[in-house]
C-alpha atoms as a PDB file:
ATOM      1  CA  SER A   1       0.000   0.000   0.000  1.00  0.00           C
ATOM      2  CA  ILE A   2       1.016   3.631  -0.371  1.00  0.00           C
ATOM      3  CA  ALA A   3       1.145   3.987   3.434  1.00  0.00           C
ATOM      4  CA  MET A   4       3.650   1.128   3.646  1.00  0.00           C
ATOM      5  CA  LEU A   5       5.697   2.685   0.839  1.00  0.00           C
ATOM      6  CA  HIS A   6       5.739   6.000   2.719  1.00  0.00           C
ATOM      7  CA  ASP A   7       6.825   4.329   5.957  1.00  0.00           C
ATOM      8  CA  ALA A   8       9.529   2.315   4.187  1.00  0.00           C
ATOM      9  CA  LEU A   9      11.080   5.493   2.751  1.00  0.00           C
ATOM     10  CA  VAL A  10      10.934   7.240   6.137  1.00  0.00           C
ATOM     11  CA  LEU A  11      12.612   4.238   7.751  1.00  0.00           C
ATOM     12  CA  GLY A  12      15.253   4.185   5.019  1.00  0.00           C
ATOM     13  CA  ILE A  13      16.174   7.835   5.534  1.00  0.00           C
ATOM     14  CA  ARG A  14      16.341   7.486   9.309  1.00  0.00           C
ATOM     15  CA  ASP A  15      18.376   4.276   9.148  1.00  0.00           C
ATOM     16  CA  TYR A  16      20.822   5.689   6.603  1.00  0.00           C
ATOM     17  CA  MET A  17      21.363   8.815   8.694  1.00  0.00           C
ATOM     18  CA  GLU A  18      21.886   6.944  11.973  1.00  0.00           C
ATOM     19  CA  LYS A  19      24.317   4.457  10.475  1.00  0.00           C
ATOM     20  CA  SER A  20      26.310   7.094   8.594  1.00  0.00           C
ATOM     21  CA  GLY A  21      26.590   9.388  11.612  1.00  0.00           C
ATOM     22  CA  PHE A  22      24.682  12.414  10.276  1.00  0.00           C
ATOM     23  CA  SER A  23      21.949  14.307  12.096  1.00  0.00           C
ATOM     24  CA  ASP A  24      20.876  16.894   9.511  1.00  0.00           C
ATOM     25  CA  VAL A  25      20.016  16.904   5.819  1.00  0.00           C
ATOM     26  CA  VAL A  26      19.947  19.579   3.138  1.00  0.00           C
ATOM     27  CA  LEU A  27      17.963  19.459  -0.079  1.00  0.00           C
ATOM     28  CA  GLY A  28      16.932  21.738  -2.883  1.00  0.00           C
ATOM     29  CA  LEU A  29      13.345  22.990  -2.700  1.00  0.00           C
ATOM     30  CA  SER A  30      12.362  23.876  -6.254  1.00  0.00           C
ATOM     31  CA  GLY A  31       8.643  24.224  -5.682  1.00  0.00           C
ATOM     32  CA  GLY A  32       8.235  20.933  -7.547  1.00  0.00           C
ATOM     33  CA  LEU A  33       6.631  17.711  -6.424  1.00  0.00           C
ATOM     34  CA  ASP A  34       9.695  15.469  -6.043  1.00  0.00           C
ATOM     35  CA  SER A  35      11.592  17.783  -3.690  1.00  0.00           C
ATOM     36  CA  ALA A  36       8.383  18.473  -1.743  1.00  0.00           C
ATOM     37  CA  VAL A  37       7.785  14.766  -1.129  1.00  0.00           C
ATOM     38  CA  VAL A  38      11.428  14.203  -0.116  1.00  0.00           C
ATOM     39  CA  ALA A  39      11.222  17.125   2.320  1.00  0.00           C
ATOM     40  CA  CYS A  40       8.065  15.653   3.891  1.00  0.00           C
ATOM     41  CA  LEU A  41       9.679  12.237   4.241  1.00  0.00           C
ATOM     42  CA  ALA A  42      12.826  13.753   5.762  1.00  0.00           C
ATOM     43  CA  VAL A  43      10.853  15.781   8.314  1.00  0.00           C
ATOM     44  CA  GLU A  44       8.925  12.656   9.275  1.00  0.00           C
ATOM     45  CA  ALA A  45      12.180  10.716   9.642  1.00  0.00           C
ATOM     46  CA  LEU A  46      14.356  13.304  11.401  1.00  0.00           C
ATOM     47  CA  GLY A  47      12.200  16.149  12.696  1.00  0.00           C
ATOM     48  CA  PRO A  48      11.845  19.613  11.108  1.00  0.00           C
ATOM     49  CA  GLU A  49      14.809  21.090  12.978  1.00  0.00           C
ATOM     50  CA  HIS A  50      17.109  18.675  11.150  1.00  0.00           C
ATOM     51  CA  VAL A  51      15.889  19.447   7.615  1.00  0.00           C
ATOM     52  CA  HIS A  52      17.270  22.442   5.692  1.00  0.00           C
ATOM     53  CA  GLY A  53      15.699  23.529   2.410  1.00  0.00           C
ATOM     54  CA  ILE A  54      17.541  25.610  -0.176  1.00  0.00           C
ATOM     55  CA  SER A  55      15.780  27.451  -2.999  1.00  0.00           C
ATOM     56  CA  LEU A  56      18.148  28.377  -5.837  1.00  0.00           C
ATOM     57  CA  PRO A  57      16.049  30.341  -8.346  1.00  0.00           C
ATOM     58  CA  SER A  58      17.425  31.095 -11.806  1.00  0.00           C
ATOM     59  CA  PRO A  59      16.014  33.557 -14.360  1.00  0.00           C
ATOM     60  CA  TYR A  60      13.645  30.804 -15.532  1.00  0.00           C
ATOM     61  CA  SER A  61      12.234  29.933 -12.109  1.00  0.00           C
ATOM     62  CA  SER A  62       8.644  31.057 -11.747  1.00  0.00           C
ATOM     63  CA  THR A  63       7.613  33.267  -8.855  1.00  0.00           C
ATOM     64  CA  GLY A  64       5.059  30.601  -8.000  1.00  0.00           C
ATOM     65  CA  SER A  65       7.791  28.008  -7.524  1.00  0.00           C
ATOM     66  CA  ILE A  66       9.519  30.121  -4.874  1.00  0.00           C
ATOM     67  CA  ILE A  67       6.190  30.836  -3.162  1.00  0.00           C
ATOM     68  CA  ASP A  68       5.317  27.117  -3.192  1.00  0.00           C
ATOM     69  CA  ALA A  69       8.711  26.151  -1.754  1.00  0.00           C
ATOM     70  CA  ARG A  70       8.372  28.696   1.045  1.00  0.00           C
ATOM     71  CA  ALA A  71       4.824  27.557   1.829  1.00  0.00           C
ATOM     72  CA  LEU A  72       5.992  23.942   2.031  1.00  0.00           C
ATOM     73  CA  ALA A  73       8.805  24.851   4.436  1.00  0.00           C
ATOM     74  CA  GLU A  74       6.364  26.797   6.613  1.00  0.00           C
ATOM     75  CA  ASN A  75       3.891  23.908   6.636  1.00  0.00           C
ATOM     76  CA  LEU A  76       6.663  21.495   7.649  1.00  0.00           C
ATOM     77  CA  GLY A  77       8.286  23.838  10.163  1.00  0.00           C
ATOM     78  CA  CYS A  78      11.742  23.488   8.595  1.00  0.00           C
ATOM     79  CA  ASP A  79      14.038  26.339   7.627  1.00  0.00           C
ATOM     80  CA  MET A  80      14.583  27.469   4.036  1.00  0.00           C
ATOM     81  CA  GLN A  81      17.139  29.777   2.479  1.00  0.00           C
ATOM     82  CA  ILE A  82      16.723  31.482  -0.883  1.00  0.00           C
ATOM     83  CA  ILE A  83      19.982  31.900  -2.811  1.00  0.00           C
ATOM     84  CA  PRO A  84      19.452  33.308  -6.335  1.00  0.00           C
ATOM     85  CA  ILE A  85      21.872  31.892  -8.909  1.00  0.00           C
ATOM     86  CA  SER A  86      21.212  34.451 -11.677  1.00  0.00           C
ATOM     87  CA  ASP A  87      24.458  36.370 -11.114  1.00  0.00           C
ATOM     88  CA  ALA A  88      26.520  33.181 -10.914  1.00  0.00           C
ATOM     89  CA  LEU A  89      24.856  31.900 -14.090  1.00  0.00           C
ATOM     90  CA  ALA A  90      25.611  35.142 -15.924  1.00  0.00           C
ATOM     91  CA  THR A  91      29.255  34.960 -14.823  1.00  0.00           C
ATOM     92  CA  VAL A  92      29.655  31.399 -16.076  1.00  0.00           C
ATOM     93  CA  LYS A  93      28.017  32.251 -19.406  1.00  0.00           C
ATOM     94  CA  GLU A  94      30.280  35.298 -19.775  1.00  0.00           C
ATOM     95  CA  THR A  95      33.355  33.200 -18.999  1.00  0.00           C
ATOM     96  CA  LEU A  96      32.340  30.689 -21.682  1.00  0.00           C
ATOM     97  CA  ALA A  97      31.214  33.294 -24.239  1.00  0.00           C
ATOM     98  CA  ASP A  98      34.313  33.018 -26.442  1.00  0.00           C
ATOM     99  CA  CYS A  99      34.115  29.213 -26.409  1.00  0.00           C
ATOM    100  CA  PHE A 100      30.401  29.180 -27.240  1.00  0.00           C
ATOM    101  CA  ILE A 101      30.498  31.908 -29.900  1.00  0.00           C
ATOM    102  CA  ASP A 102      28.254  31.292 -32.929  1.00  0.00           C
ATOM    103  CA  ILE A 103      26.602  28.303 -31.205  1.00  0.00           C
ATOM    104  CA  ASN A 104      22.918  28.591 -30.349  1.00  0.00           C
ATOM    105  CA  LEU A 105      21.646  28.215 -26.809  1.00  0.00           C
ATOM    106  CA  ASP A 106      20.914  24.573 -26.055  1.00  0.00           C
ATOM    107  CA  VAL A 107      21.018  21.962 -23.304  1.00  0.00           C
ATOM    108  CA  ALA A 108      24.541  23.078 -22.311  1.00  0.00           C
ATOM    109  CA  GLU A 109      23.208  26.304 -20.824  1.00  0.00           C
ATOM    110  CA  GLU A 110      20.361  24.419 -19.143  1.00  0.00           C
ATOM    111  CA  ASN A 111      22.812  22.020 -17.539  1.00  0.00           C
ATOM    112  CA  ILE A 112      24.993  24.862 -16.256  1.00  0.00           C
ATOM    113  CA  GLN A 113      22.039  25.916 -14.083  1.00  0.00           C
ATOM    114  CA  ALA A 114      21.573  22.423 -12.690  1.00  0.00           C
ATOM    115  CA  ARG A 115      25.303  22.093 -11.990  1.00  0.00           C
ATOM    116  CA  LEU A 116      25.445  25.471 -10.259  1.00  0.00           C
ATOM    117  CA  ARG A 117      22.711  24.239  -7.944  1.00  0.00           C
ATOM    118  CA  GLY A 118      24.776  21.126  -7.234  1.00  0.00           C
ATOM    119  CA  LEU A 119      27.738  23.372  -6.423  1.00  0.00           C
ATOM    120  CA  PHE A 120      25.754  25.386  -3.869  1.00  0.00           C
ATOM    121  CA  TRP A 121      24.132  22.326  -2.279  1.00  0.00           C
ATOM    122  CA  MET A 122      27.514  20.668  -1.832  1.00  0.00           C
ATOM    123  CA  ALA A 123      29.064  23.877  -0.437  1.00  0.00           C
ATOM    124  CA  LEU A 124      26.392  24.035   2.261  1.00  0.00           C
ATOM    125  CA  SER A 125      26.707  20.297   2.893  1.00  0.00           C
ATOM    126  CA  ASN A 126      30.458  20.629   3.420  1.00  0.00           C
ATOM    127  CA  LYS A 127      30.258  23.795   5.508  1.00  0.00           C
ATOM    128  CA  TYR A 128      27.588  22.632   7.950  1.00  0.00           C
ATOM    129  CA  GLY A 129      27.996  18.861   7.868  1.00  0.00           C
ATOM    130  CA  TRP A 130      24.540  18.346   6.382  1.00  0.00           C
ATOM    131  CA  LEU A 131      23.927  15.232   4.270  1.00  0.00           C
ATOM    132  CA  LEU A 132      22.575  16.095   0.820  1.00  0.00           C
ATOM    133  CA  LEU A 133      19.381  14.281  -0.169  1.00  0.00           C
ATOM    134  CA  ASN A 134      18.726  13.700  -3.855  1.00  0.00           C
ATOM    135  CA  ALA A 135      15.174  13.965  -5.219  1.00  0.00           C
ATOM    136  CA  SER A 136      15.491  12.302  -8.668  1.00  0.00           C
ATOM    137  CA  ASN A 137      12.688   9.798  -9.269  1.00  0.00           C
ATOM    138  CA  LYS A 138      12.855   6.438 -11.067  1.00  0.00           C
ATOM    139  CA  SER A 139      11.124   7.725 -14.198  1.00  0.00           C
ATOM    140  CA  GLU A 140      13.755  10.438 -14.650  1.00  0.00           C
ATOM    141  CA  LEU A 141      16.669   8.120 -13.938  1.00  0.00           C
ATOM    142  CA  ALA A 142      15.310   5.527 -16.350  1.00  0.00           C
ATOM    143  CA  VAL A 143      15.295   7.895 -19.330  1.00  0.00           C
ATOM    144  CA  GLY A 144      18.154  10.203 -18.303  1.00  0.00           C
ATOM    145  CA  TYR A 145      16.000  13.267 -17.609  1.00  0.00           C
ATOM    146  CA  THR A 146      18.574  14.382 -15.043  1.00  0.00           C
ATOM    147  CA  THR A 147      21.882  16.276 -15.067  1.00  0.00           C
ATOM    148  CA  LEU A 148      25.089  14.580 -13.974  1.00  0.00           C
ATOM    149  CA  TYR A 149      26.905  16.592 -11.295  1.00  0.00           C
ATOM    150  CA  GLY A 150      23.807  18.786 -11.007  1.00  0.00           C
ATOM    151  CA  ASP A 151      20.429  17.586  -9.771  1.00  0.00           C
ATOM    152  CA  MET A 152      21.961  14.089  -9.499  1.00  0.00           C
ATOM    153  CA  CYS A 153      24.233  15.224  -6.638  1.00  0.00           C
ATOM    154  CA  GLY A 154      23.582  13.719  -3.252  1.00  0.00           C
ATOM    155  CA  SER A 155      24.504  11.116  -0.665  1.00  0.00           C
ATOM    156  CA  LEU A 156      21.121   9.368  -0.735  1.00  0.00           C
ATOM    157  CA  ALA A 157      18.568   9.237  -3.553  1.00  0.00           C
ATOM    158  CA  VAL A 158      15.271   8.941  -1.706  1.00  0.00           C
ATOM    159  CA  LEU A 159      12.951   8.507  -4.714  1.00  0.00           C
ATOM    160  CA  SER A 160      15.235   6.644  -7.115  1.00  0.00           C
ATOM    161  CA  ASP A 161      13.001   3.542  -6.944  1.00  0.00           C
ATOM    162  CA  ILE A 162       9.721   5.509  -7.120  1.00  0.00           C
ATOM    163  CA  TYR A 163       8.078   6.257 -10.469  1.00  0.00           C
ATOM    164  CA  LYS A 164       6.682   9.749 -10.953  1.00  0.00           C
ATOM    165  CA  SER A 165       3.094   8.466 -10.915  1.00  0.00           C
ATOM    166  CA  ASP A 166       3.769   6.969  -7.475  1.00  0.00           C
ATOM    167  CA  VAL A 167       5.317  10.246  -6.299  1.00  0.00           C
ATOM    168  CA  TYR A 168       1.884  11.778  -6.916  1.00  0.00           C
ATOM    169  CA  ARG A 169       0.268   8.985  -4.897  1.00  0.00           C
ATOM    170  CA  LEU A 170       2.715   9.624  -2.049  1.00  0.00           C
ATOM    171  CA  ALA A 171       1.907  13.326  -2.154  1.00  0.00           C
ATOM    172  CA  ASP A 172      -1.818  12.616  -1.985  1.00  0.00           C
ATOM    173  CA  TRP A 173      -1.254  10.375   1.039  1.00  0.00           C
ATOM    174  CA  ILE A 174       0.917  12.991   2.770  1.00  0.00           C
ATOM    175  CA  ASN A 175      -1.903  15.506   2.249  1.00  0.00           C
ATOM    176  CA  ARG A 176      -4.616  13.069   3.404  1.00  0.00           C
ATOM    177  CA  ASP A 177      -5.525  15.039   6.552  1.00  0.00           C
ATOM    178  CA  LYS A 178      -4.407  18.570   5.711  1.00  0.00           C
ATOM    179  CA  GLU A 179      -2.572  20.436   2.970  1.00  0.00           C
ATOM    180  CA  ILE A 180       1.138  20.081   3.660  1.00  0.00           C
ATOM    181  CA  ILE A 181       2.338  20.053   0.055  1.00  0.00           C
ATOM    182  CA  PRO A 182       0.806  23.173  -1.560  1.00  0.00           C
ATOM    183  CA  MET A 183      -1.972  22.415  -4.036  1.00  0.00           C
ATOM    184  CA  ALA A 184      -0.173  24.450  -6.702  1.00  0.00           C
ATOM    185  CA  THR A 185       2.766  22.034  -6.461  1.00  0.00           C
ATOM    186  CA  MET A 186       0.379  19.100  -6.906  1.00  0.00           C
ATOM    187  CA  THR A 187      -1.422  20.467  -9.954  1.00  0.00           C
ATOM    188  CA  LYS A 188       1.113  22.370 -12.069  1.00  0.00           C
ATOM    189  CA  PRO A 189       2.712  20.563 -15.046  1.00  0.00           C
ATOM    190  CA  PRO A 190       6.110  19.073 -14.101  1.00  0.00           C
ATOM    191  CA  SER A 191       9.011  21.235 -15.307  1.00  0.00           C
ATOM    192  CA  ALA A 192      12.771  21.482 -14.810  1.00  0.00           C
ATOM    193  CA  GLU A 193      12.420  25.275 -15.284  1.00  0.00           C
ATOM    194  CA  LEU A 194      15.720  25.529 -17.159  1.00  0.00           C
ATOM    195  CA  ARG A 195      14.286  27.452 -20.122  1.00  0.00           C
ATOM    196  CA  PRO A 196      11.178  29.611 -20.691  1.00  0.00           C
ATOM    197  CA  ASP A 197       7.836  27.760 -20.412  1.00  0.00           C
ATOM    198  CA  GLN A 198       9.571  24.355 -20.226  1.00  0.00           C
ATOM    199  CA  LYS A 199       7.506  21.263 -19.445  1.00  0.00           C
ATOM    200  CA  ASP A 200       8.630  17.641 -19.004  1.00  0.00           C
ATOM    201  CA  THR A 201       6.210  16.574 -21.735  1.00  0.00           C
ATOM    202  CA  ASP A 202       8.167  18.680 -24.259  1.00  0.00           C
ATOM    203  CA  THR A 203      10.681  15.831 -24.459  1.00  0.00           C
ATOM    204  CA  LEU A 204       9.046  12.888 -22.644  1.00  0.00           C
ATOM    205  CA  PRO A 205       5.809  10.947 -23.060  1.00  0.00           C
ATOM    206  CA  PRO A 206       3.198  11.709 -20.366  1.00  0.00           C
ATOM    207  CA  TYR A 207       4.263  10.041 -17.109  1.00  0.00           C
ATOM    208  CA  GLY A 208       1.218   7.766 -17.062  1.00  0.00           C
ATOM    209  CA  ILE A 209       2.351   6.223 -20.363  1.00  0.00           C
ATOM    210  CA  LEU A 210       6.093   6.407 -19.639  1.00  0.00           C
ATOM    211  CA  ASP A 211       5.769   4.701 -16.258  1.00  0.00           C
ATOM    212  CA  GLY A 212       3.549   1.962 -17.676  1.00  0.00           C
ATOM    213  CA  ILE A 213       6.133   1.093 -20.328  1.00  0.00           C
ATOM    214  CA  LEU A 214       9.032   1.283 -17.859  1.00  0.00           C
ATOM    215  CA  ARG A 215       7.307  -1.006 -15.342  1.00  0.00           C
ATOM    216  CA  LEU A 216       6.821  -3.659 -18.002  1.00  0.00           C
ATOM    217  CA  PHE A 217      10.452  -3.502 -19.111  1.00  0.00           C
ATOM    218  CA  ILE A 218      12.143  -3.094 -15.721  1.00  0.00           C
ATOM    219  CA  GLU A 219       9.979  -4.873 -13.142  1.00  0.00           C
ATOM    220  CA  GLU A 220       8.253  -7.406 -15.365  1.00  0.00           C
ATOM    221  CA  GLY A 221      11.086  -8.147 -17.801  1.00  0.00           C
ATOM    222  CA  LYS A 222       8.742  -7.990 -20.797  1.00  0.00           C
ATOM    223  CA  THR A 223       9.968  -8.009 -24.390  1.00  0.00           C
ATOM    224  CA  ARG A 224       9.246  -5.269 -26.883  1.00  0.00           C
ATOM    225  CA  ASP A 225       6.490  -7.379 -28.482  1.00  0.00           C
ATOM    226  CA  GLU A 226       4.873  -8.038 -25.110  1.00  0.00           C
ATOM    227  CA  VAL A 227       4.872  -4.315 -24.320  1.00  0.00           C
ATOM    228  CA  LYS A 228       3.243  -3.682 -27.714  1.00  0.00           C
ATOM    229  CA  GLU A 229       0.569  -6.242 -26.831  1.00  0.00           C
ATOM    230  CA  ALA A 230      -0.223  -4.183 -23.739  1.00  0.00           C
ATOM    231  CA  GLY A 231      -1.442  -1.465 -26.087  1.00  0.00           C
ATOM    232  CA  TYR A 232       1.407   1.051 -26.132  1.00  0.00           C
ATOM    233  CA  PRO A 233       2.389   2.699 -29.439  1.00  0.00           C
ATOM    234  CA  THR A 234       5.462   1.179 -31.109  1.00  0.00           C
ATOM    235  CA  ASP A 235       7.179   4.528 -31.673  1.00  0.00           C
ATOM    236  CA  THR A 236       6.795   5.427 -27.994  1.00  0.00           C
ATOM    237  CA  ILE A 237       8.063   2.027 -26.865  1.00  0.00           C
ATOM    238  CA  ASP A 238      11.170   2.351 -29.044  1.00  0.00           C
ATOM    239  CA  GLU A 239      11.794   5.902 -27.863  1.00  0.00           C
ATOM    240  CA  VAL A 240      11.612   4.829 -24.208  1.00  0.00           C
ATOM    241  CA  LEU A 241      13.850   1.799 -24.844  1.00  0.00           C
ATOM    242  CA  ARG A 242      16.495   3.922 -26.548  1.00  0.00           C
ATOM    243  CA  LEU A 243      16.501   6.382 -23.668  1.00  0.00           C
ATOM    244  CA  LEU A 244      16.614   3.597 -21.079  1.00  0.00           C
ATOM    245  CA  LEU A 245      19.680   2.024 -22.693  1.00  0.00           C
ATOM    246  CA  ARG A 246      21.451   5.197 -23.753  1.00  0.00           C
ATOM    247  CA  THR A 247      21.571   6.643 -20.241  1.00  0.00           C
ATOM    248  CA  GLU A 248      23.004   3.672 -18.349  1.00  0.00           C
ATOM    249  CA  TYR A 249      26.223   5.679 -17.871  1.00  0.00           C
ATOM    250  CA  LYS A 250      24.295   8.234 -15.817  1.00  0.00           C
ATOM    251  CA  ARG A 251      22.779   5.650 -13.504  1.00  0.00           C
ATOM    252  CA  ARG A 252      26.235   4.165 -12.832  1.00  0.00           C
ATOM    253  CA  GLN A 253      27.190   7.554 -11.353  1.00  0.00           C
ATOM    254  CA  ALA A 254      23.971   8.207  -9.451  1.00  0.00           C
ATOM    255  CA  ALA A 255      23.644   8.484  -5.672  1.00  0.00           C
ATOM    256  CA  PRO A 256      22.734   5.222  -3.900  1.00  0.00           C
ATOM    257  CA  GLY A 257      18.992   4.922  -3.435  1.00  0.00           C
ATOM    258  CA  LEU A 258      16.373   3.338  -1.223  1.00  0.00           C
ATOM    259  CA  ARG A 259      15.091   0.174  -2.892  1.00  0.00           C
ATOM    260  CA  VAL A 260      11.383  -0.518  -2.445  1.00  0.00           C
ATOM    261  CA  SER A 261      10.508  -2.481  -5.606  1.00  0.00           C
ATOM    262  CA  LYS A 262      11.426  -5.962  -6.793  1.00  0.00           C
ATOM    263  CA  ARG A 263      13.895  -4.479  -9.276  1.00  0.00           C
ATOM    264  CA  GLY A 264      15.552  -1.178  -8.535  1.00  0.00           C
ATOM    265  CA  PHE A 265      18.507   0.422 -10.276  1.00  0.00           C
ATOM    266  CA  GLY A 266      21.856  -0.513  -8.765  1.00  0.00           C
ATOM    267  CA  SER A 267      22.483  -4.060  -7.565  1.00  0.00           C
ATOM    268  CA  GLY A 268      19.159  -5.230  -9.029  1.00  0.00           C
ATOM    269  CA  TRP A 269      19.881  -3.793 -12.464  1.00  0.00           C
ATOM    270  CA  ARG A 270      22.768  -5.288 -14.390  1.00  0.00           C
ATOM    271  CA  MET A 271      22.910  -3.915 -17.926  1.00  0.00           C
ATOM    272  CA  PRO A 272      25.877  -3.235 -20.227  1.00  0.00           C
ATOM    273  CA  LEU A 273      27.330   0.236 -19.697  1.00  0.00           C
ATOM    274  CA  VAL A 274      27.586   0.626 -23.478  1.00  0.00           C
ATOM    275  CA  SER A 275      26.396  -1.722 -26.208  1.00  0.00           C
ATOM    276  CA  SER A 276      25.084  -1.830 -29.759  1.00  0.00           C
ATOM    277  CA  TYR A 277      21.582  -1.929 -28.190  1.00  0.00           C
ATOM    278  CA  ASP A 278      20.356  -4.502 -30.732  1.00  0.00           C
ATOM    279  CA  TRP A 279      20.047  -7.289 -28.180  1.00  0.00           C
ATOM    280  CA  LEU A 280      16.897  -5.827 -26.627  1.00  0.00           C
ATOM    281  CA  TRP A 281      15.092  -6.108 -29.953  1.00  0.00           C
ATOM    282  CA  GLU A 282      16.190  -9.681 -30.661  1.00  0.00           C
ATOM    283  CA  GLY A 283      13.243 -11.690 -31.893  1.00  0.00           C
ATOM    284  CA  ASP A 284      11.184  -8.513 -32.346  1.00  0.00           C
ATOM    285  CA  GLY A 285      13.035  -7.070 -35.301  1.00  0.00           C
ATOM    286  CA  SER A 286      15.134  -3.933 -35.030  1.00  0.00           C
ATOM    287  CA  PRO A 287      13.412  -0.680 -34.039  1.00  0.00           C
ATOM    288  CA  SER A 288      11.844   1.366 -36.779  1.00  0.00           C
END
């Protein structure tokens, strides 16, 4: 049940902290759902006085995201600092201007923002002895919708075995008696907020479809043909498979996570780091 899943994650955080000798955690509060759920779990595990939220808005962060992050921290009773990264981002871009001349803005500039956030989180972790919690979910890790050395930083990945659709279920359960996670966080379209008006669905299938395909491949060990028989479009299946295989190198460098499924990434997931990829389509024909 979702209550058991919630309690397992709380136990995992508390156990990891006690055994590693840390009392306090730090995490980024973006105003998004993943970080909100991790903050709630951490407060349940450690108490609000031991949880420190950091908001690192860039020029593309919405005002609503900062408001939502602050409201969450107030509801939880934990502290939150706001450290704008706009000046730092401008400095990095200026430093790289000669190297990037005549090249259009692309994912490189987006990733600089994510990596600056990792820099600030780690600085605070080192300075105060706070353990950095990572909020990447299983859906993101599966398809590589994360930034190495940026939002993948952390000592413990709390949601790395939780699909995005289950993160929503956890949030609903956390809010079962009163609104702890702001409703705006629950209802707004997921976004990395690394460029204007960005949404996850710009580059990914809707999470309901993505998670369904991933569960069949990862947990159930289904073949491509069997996933097609479940009713998913062939083009979408092949897109998800390519992403799943292409981003194995990222998962090898990810923070260790709390395993709550029958097949999580890490020790339960043994795939080639690099390959020709054809083996997954054996018997099905190569992808179109």
